[in-house]
Protein backbone atom coordinates (compact mmCIF):
# COMPACT_ATOMS: atom_id res chain seq x y z
CA MET A 1 9.77 23.08 -3.62
CA VAL A 2 11.37 19.97 -5.13
CA SER A 3 14.57 21.88 -5.79
CA ASN A 4 14.66 22.97 -2.14
CA ILE A 5 14.38 19.37 -1.01
CA LEU A 6 17.05 18.25 -3.45
CA ASP A 7 19.36 21.09 -2.35
CA PHE A 8 18.88 20.07 1.28
CA LEU A 9 19.63 16.42 0.54
CA VAL A 10 22.73 17.32 -1.47
CA ALA A 11 23.97 19.50 1.39
CA HIS A 12 23.28 16.72 3.91
CA ARG A 13 24.35 13.56 2.09
CA THR A 14 24.01 11.33 5.14
CA LEU A 15 20.34 12.24 5.53
CA GLY A 16 19.82 11.74 1.80
CA VAL A 17 21.30 8.26 1.87
CA LEU A 18 19.35 7.40 5.01
CA ALA A 19 16.06 8.64 3.48
CA ALA A 20 16.72 6.69 0.26
CA GLY A 21 17.50 3.57 2.27
CA ILE A 22 14.32 3.85 4.31
CA CYS A 23 12.21 4.42 1.18
CA ALA A 24 13.86 1.44 -0.55
CA PHE A 25 13.23 -0.77 2.49
CA VAL A 26 9.55 0.20 2.68
CA SER A 27 9.06 -0.24 -1.07
CA LEU A 28 10.76 -3.63 -1.17
CA SER A 29 8.82 -4.79 1.90
CA LEU A 30 5.52 -3.83 0.28
CA ILE A 31 6.50 -5.51 -2.98
CA ALA A 32 7.49 -8.70 -1.16
CA ARG A 33 4.21 -8.67 0.74
CA LEU A 34 2.30 -8.17 -2.52
CA TRP A 35 3.94 -11.19 -4.15
CA VAL A 36 3.69 -13.47 -1.09
CA LEU A 37 0.21 -12.70 0.23
CA HIS A 38 -1.61 -12.12 -3.05
CA GLN A 39 -0.71 -15.33 -4.86
CA ARG A 40 -4.05 -15.55 -6.69
CA ALA A 41 -3.63 -12.19 -8.40
CA ARG A 42 -2.46 -12.10 -12.01
CA ALA A 43 1.28 -11.77 -12.56
CA MET A 44 0.89 -8.75 -14.86
CA SER A 45 -1.10 -6.91 -12.20
CA LYS A 46 1.56 -7.65 -9.60
CA ILE A 47 4.33 -6.46 -11.94
CA VAL A 48 2.53 -3.16 -12.56
CA TRP A 49 1.88 -2.63 -8.85
CA SER A 50 5.51 -3.50 -8.07
CA ILE A 51 6.65 -0.70 -10.38
CA VAL A 52 4.16 1.71 -8.79
CA LEU A 53 5.40 0.77 -5.31
CA LEU A 54 8.93 1.80 -6.25
CA ILE A 55 7.75 5.42 -6.21
CA PRO A 56 8.21 6.58 -2.60
CA VAL A 57 5.10 7.81 -0.75
CA LEU A 58 2.97 8.49 -3.86
CA GLY A 59 3.15 4.88 -5.03
CA TRP A 60 2.45 3.62 -1.51
CA LEU A 61 -0.65 5.83 -1.25
CA CYS A 62 -1.93 4.74 -4.67
CA PHE A 63 -1.48 1.08 -3.72
CA ALA A 64 -3.34 1.56 -0.45
CA ALA A 65 -6.14 3.47 -2.14
CA PHE A 66 -6.73 1.43 -5.30
CA TYR A 67 -5.53 -2.14 -4.82
CA ARG A 68 -8.11 -4.46 -3.29
CA ARG A 69 -7.65 -8.11 -2.49
CA ALA A 70 -9.91 -10.55 -4.29
CA GLU A 71 -10.97 -12.08 -0.97
CA ALA A 72 -12.34 -8.73 0.19
CA LEU A 73 -14.51 -8.40 -2.90
CA ASP A 74 -15.91 -11.95 -2.64
CA TRP A 75 -17.00 -11.71 1.00
CA THR A 76 -20.64 -12.78 1.48
CA GLY A 77 -20.65 -13.59 5.18
CA HIS A 78 -22.90 -12.26 7.89
CA ALA A 79 -22.00 -9.21 9.94
CA GLU A 80 -23.62 -10.17 13.22
CA HIS A 81 -20.30 -9.97 15.07
CA GLY A 82 -18.44 -7.55 12.79
CA ARG A 83 -18.04 -3.81 12.72
CA ASP A 84 -21.29 -3.39 10.73
CA ALA A 85 -23.42 -5.45 13.11
CA GLY A 86 -25.38 -2.49 14.45
CA TYR A 87 -26.37 -1.32 10.97
CA ILE A 88 -27.85 -4.55 9.65
CA GLY A 89 -31.39 -5.72 10.19
CA ASP A 90 -34.48 -3.75 11.12
CA GLY A 91 -32.56 -0.80 12.54
CA HIS A 92 -32.84 -1.74 16.22
CA LEU A 93 -29.61 -1.98 18.11
C-alpha cells in the first residue's frame, strides 16, 4: 500500500509537493500553537511532542489523543451551566 502511494506521488510530482507542503504547514502550525498556548508545560515535553507532530496524520492523531493541557486536569468548577449540568445532582433534570 505504501509503495502504491509513493509510486503515485512520484508519477504526479506536483501533487506530491502540494501534499508535502500542506502536511508541513499543518505540522508547523500545531507545533507553534503548542509552544505559544502551553507555556506552563515543561520544555522537554514540548520538544518530544514537536517531534511527534512532524509525523503527518499519525503524529497529529497521537497529539490529539494523548496530550492534555494542565488547565483541563486542574478544573474543579461547578457544572451547573456546562455540558454535564443534567448529569450532576440528584438525577432530576
